[in-house]
Amino acid sequence: MLSAESKIAVPTKESLAPMLDQTGLVVEEWLGNWRGEPYAPTSPKIIPIGRLRQPGRCFALSVFPFLDVTD
């Protein structure tokens, strides 16, 4: 049987915020799960809700631990 081991780096909210800003995304709210609860450092997910600096467009991006199946 073959096996492999890998590590997945999960960014923090503090490291994501400037990256999103640099790409032209304006975060209006940070959620901690898909039920819409506010983000906290212990949240299973990091979901920034916001918009592009261009009017009329929006985005949602989920960053979460790979094996998280809580939602």
N, C-alpha and C. Protein backbone atom coordinates (compact mmCIF):
# COMPACT_ATOMS: atom_id res chain seq x y z
N MET A 1 0.84 -1.17 0.00
CA MET A 1 0.00 0.00 0.00
C MET A 1 0.90 1.24 0.00
N LEU A 2 0.58 2.16 -0.86
CA LEU A 2 1.29 3.44 -0.91
C LEU A 2 0.59 4.45 -0.03
N SER A 3 1.35 5.31 0.58
CA SER A 3 0.75 6.38 1.37
C SER A 3 1.61 7.63 1.24
N ALA A 4 1.00 8.74 1.56
CA ALA A 4 1.69 10.02 1.50
C ALA A 4 1.19 10.90 2.63
N GLU A 5 2.02 11.80 3.04
CA GLU A 5 1.65 12.73 4.09
C GLU A 5 1.89 14.14 3.59
N SER A 6 0.97 15.04 3.90
CA SER A 6 1.15 16.43 3.48
C SER A 6 0.59 17.36 4.55
N LYS A 7 1.02 18.58 4.48
CA LYS A 7 0.52 19.61 5.39
C LYS A 7 -0.18 20.68 4.56
N ILE A 8 -1.29 21.16 5.06
CA ILE A 8 -2.04 22.20 4.38
C ILE A 8 -1.96 23.47 5.24
N ALA A 9 -1.52 24.54 4.65
CA ALA A 9 -1.44 25.81 5.37
C ALA A 9 -2.78 26.53 5.26
N VAL A 10 -3.36 26.86 6.38
CA VAL A 10 -4.62 27.59 6.40
C VAL A 10 -4.31 29.01 6.88
N PRO A 11 -4.55 30.01 6.03
CA PRO A 11 -4.23 31.38 6.42
C PRO A 11 -5.14 31.89 7.53
N THR A 12 -4.67 32.89 8.24
CA THR A 12 -5.48 33.54 9.27
C THR A 12 -6.26 34.70 8.64
N LYS A 13 -7.26 35.16 9.35
CA LYS A 13 -8.01 36.33 8.90
C LYS A 13 -7.07 37.52 8.73
N GLU A 14 -6.14 37.67 9.67
CA GLU A 14 -5.21 38.80 9.63
C GLU A 14 -4.28 38.74 8.42
N SER A 15 -3.96 37.55 7.94
CA SER A 15 -3.11 37.45 6.75
C SER A 15 -3.94 37.56 5.47
N LEU A 16 -5.21 37.16 5.52
CA LEU A 16 -6.08 37.26 4.34
C LEU A 16 -6.50 38.69 4.04
N ALA A 17 -6.78 39.47 5.07
CA ALA A 17 -7.32 40.82 4.88
C ALA A 17 -6.46 41.67 3.95
N PRO A 18 -5.15 41.79 4.15
CA PRO A 18 -4.37 42.62 3.23
C PRO A 18 -4.27 42.04 1.82
N MET A 19 -4.27 40.70 1.71
CA MET A 19 -4.22 40.09 0.38
C MET A 19 -5.49 40.40 -0.41
N LEU A 20 -6.64 40.31 0.25
CA LEU A 20 -7.90 40.62 -0.42
C LEU A 20 -7.94 42.09 -0.82
N ASP A 21 -7.48 42.96 0.07
CA ASP A 21 -7.44 44.39 -0.23
C ASP A 21 -6.56 44.68 -1.44
N GLN A 22 -5.41 44.04 -1.51
CA GLN A 22 -4.49 44.26 -2.63
C GLN A 22 -5.07 43.81 -3.97
N THR A 23 -5.99 42.86 -3.93
CA THR A 23 -6.59 42.38 -5.18
C THR A 23 -7.84 43.15 -5.58
N GLY A 24 -8.20 44.16 -4.79
CA GLY A 24 -9.36 44.98 -5.14
C GLY A 24 -10.67 44.49 -4.56
N LEU A 25 -10.61 43.66 -3.53
CA LEU A 25 -11.82 43.17 -2.88
C LEU A 25 -12.02 43.93 -1.57
N VAL A 26 -13.24 44.38 -1.33
CA VAL A 26 -13.58 45.11 -0.11
C VAL A 26 -14.41 44.18 0.77
N VAL A 27 -13.88 43.79 1.92
CA VAL A 27 -14.60 42.89 2.82
C VAL A 27 -15.52 43.73 3.70
N GLU A 28 -16.81 43.39 3.68
CA GLU A 28 -17.79 44.11 4.48
C GLU A 28 -18.18 43.35 5.73
N GLU A 29 -17.97 42.03 5.72
CA GLU A 29 -18.34 41.21 6.88
C GLU A 29 -17.51 39.92 6.85
N TRP A 30 -17.11 39.46 8.01
CA TRP A 30 -16.37 38.19 8.15
C TRP A 30 -17.28 37.20 8.87
N LEU A 31 -17.55 36.06 8.24
CA LEU A 31 -18.37 35.02 8.86
C LEU A 31 -17.50 33.84 9.27
N GLY A 32 -17.99 33.07 10.25
CA GLY A 32 -17.23 31.94 10.75
C GLY A 32 -17.75 30.58 10.30
N ASN A 33 -18.91 30.56 9.64
CA ASN A 33 -19.47 29.32 9.10
C ASN A 33 -20.55 29.68 8.09
N TRP A 34 -21.09 28.66 7.41
CA TRP A 34 -22.10 28.92 6.38
C TRP A 34 -23.48 29.19 6.96
N ARG A 35 -23.63 29.13 8.28
CA ARG A 35 -24.90 29.51 8.92
C ARG A 35 -24.98 31.02 9.14
N GLY A 36 -23.89 31.74 8.86
CA GLY A 36 -23.89 33.19 8.97
C GLY A 36 -23.46 33.73 10.31
N GLU A 37 -22.89 32.88 11.15
CA GLU A 37 -22.42 33.36 12.45
C GLU A 37 -21.15 34.19 12.26
N PRO A 38 -20.96 35.22 13.08
CA PRO A 38 -19.78 36.07 12.95
C PRO A 38 -18.49 35.27 13.13
N TYR A 39 -17.43 35.72 12.48
CA TYR A 39 -16.13 35.07 12.60
C TYR A 39 -15.55 35.29 13.99
N ALA A 40 -14.95 34.25 14.53
CA ALA A 40 -14.17 34.31 15.78
C ALA A 40 -12.92 33.46 15.54
N PRO A 41 -11.85 33.70 16.28
CA PRO A 41 -10.63 32.91 16.07
C PRO A 41 -10.84 31.39 16.16
N THR A 42 -11.89 30.96 16.84
CA THR A 42 -12.18 29.52 16.97
C THR A 42 -13.16 29.01 15.92
N SER A 43 -13.58 29.86 14.99
CA SER A 43 -14.55 29.46 13.95
C SER A 43 -13.96 28.38 13.04
N PRO A 44 -14.81 27.47 12.54
CA PRO A 44 -14.32 26.43 11.65
C PRO A 44 -13.97 26.94 10.25
N LYS A 45 -14.47 28.11 9.89
CA LYS A 45 -14.22 28.66 8.56
C LYS A 45 -13.91 30.15 8.66
N ILE A 46 -13.32 30.68 7.61
CA ILE A 46 -13.11 32.12 7.46
C ILE A 46 -13.80 32.49 6.16
N ILE A 47 -14.92 33.20 6.25
CA ILE A 47 -15.69 33.53 5.05
C ILE A 47 -15.82 35.05 4.96
N PRO A 48 -15.01 35.68 4.11
CA PRO A 48 -15.17 37.12 3.92
C PRO A 48 -16.31 37.38 2.94
N ILE A 49 -17.21 38.27 3.31
CA ILE A 49 -18.31 38.66 2.44
C ILE A 49 -18.06 40.11 2.05
N GLY A 50 -18.14 40.39 0.78
CA GLY A 50 -17.87 41.76 0.36
C GLY A 50 -18.12 41.97 -1.11
N ARG A 51 -17.36 42.88 -1.67
CA ARG A 51 -17.58 43.27 -3.05
C ARG A 51 -16.26 43.67 -3.70
N LEU A 52 -16.29 43.69 -4.99
CA LEU A 52 -15.18 44.25 -5.73
C LEU A 52 -15.26 45.76 -5.62
N ARG A 53 -14.15 46.44 -5.76
CA ARG A 53 -14.20 47.90 -5.72
C ARG A 53 -15.02 48.43 -6.89
N GLN A 54 -15.19 47.62 -7.93
CA GLN A 54 -16.06 48.01 -9.04
C GLN A 54 -17.50 47.82 -8.59
N PRO A 55 -18.38 48.76 -8.83
CA PRO A 55 -19.79 48.62 -8.42
C PRO A 55 -20.47 47.44 -9.10
N GLY A 56 -21.42 46.84 -8.38
CA GLY A 56 -22.28 45.82 -8.96
C GLY A 56 -21.77 44.40 -8.93
N ARG A 57 -20.64 44.14 -8.29
CA ARG A 57 -20.12 42.77 -8.24
C ARG A 57 -19.88 42.40 -6.78
N CYS A 58 -20.07 41.12 -6.44
CA CYS A 58 -19.84 40.68 -5.06
C CYS A 58 -19.12 39.34 -5.05
N PHE A 59 -18.69 38.90 -3.88
CA PHE A 59 -17.97 37.64 -3.76
C PHE A 59 -18.18 37.04 -2.38
N ALA A 60 -17.96 35.75 -2.26
CA ALA A 60 -17.85 35.04 -0.98
C ALA A 60 -16.75 34.02 -1.17
N LEU A 61 -15.82 34.00 -0.26
CA LEU A 61 -14.67 33.11 -0.34
C LEU A 61 -14.57 32.34 0.96
N SER A 62 -14.52 31.02 0.90
CA SER A 62 -14.39 30.22 2.11
C SER A 62 -12.99 29.66 2.23
N VAL A 63 -12.39 29.89 3.36
CA VAL A 63 -11.09 29.31 3.67
C VAL A 63 -11.29 28.49 4.93
N PHE A 64 -11.03 27.18 4.86
CA PHE A 64 -11.33 26.32 6.00
C PHE A 64 -10.37 25.14 6.07
N PRO A 65 -10.25 24.54 7.25
CA PRO A 65 -9.44 23.33 7.35
C PRO A 65 -9.95 22.26 6.40
N PHE A 66 -9.05 21.58 5.74
CA PHE A 66 -9.37 20.63 4.68
C PHE A 66 -10.35 19.55 5.13
N LEU A 67 -10.20 19.03 6.32
CA LEU A 67 -11.04 17.93 6.77
C LEU A 67 -12.26 18.37 7.57
N ASP A 68 -12.54 19.65 7.62
CA ASP A 68 -13.68 20.16 8.38
C ASP A 68 -14.98 19.79 7.68
N VAL A 69 -15.84 19.07 8.36
CA VAL A 69 -17.13 18.68 7.78
C VAL A 69 -18.28 19.09 8.71
N THR A 70 -18.10 20.16 9.47
CA THR A 70 -19.10 20.56 10.46
C THR A 70 -20.30 21.26 9.86
N ASP A 71 -20.18 21.79 8.65
CA ASP A 71 -21.32 22.50 8.04
C ASP A 71 -21.90 21.70 6.91
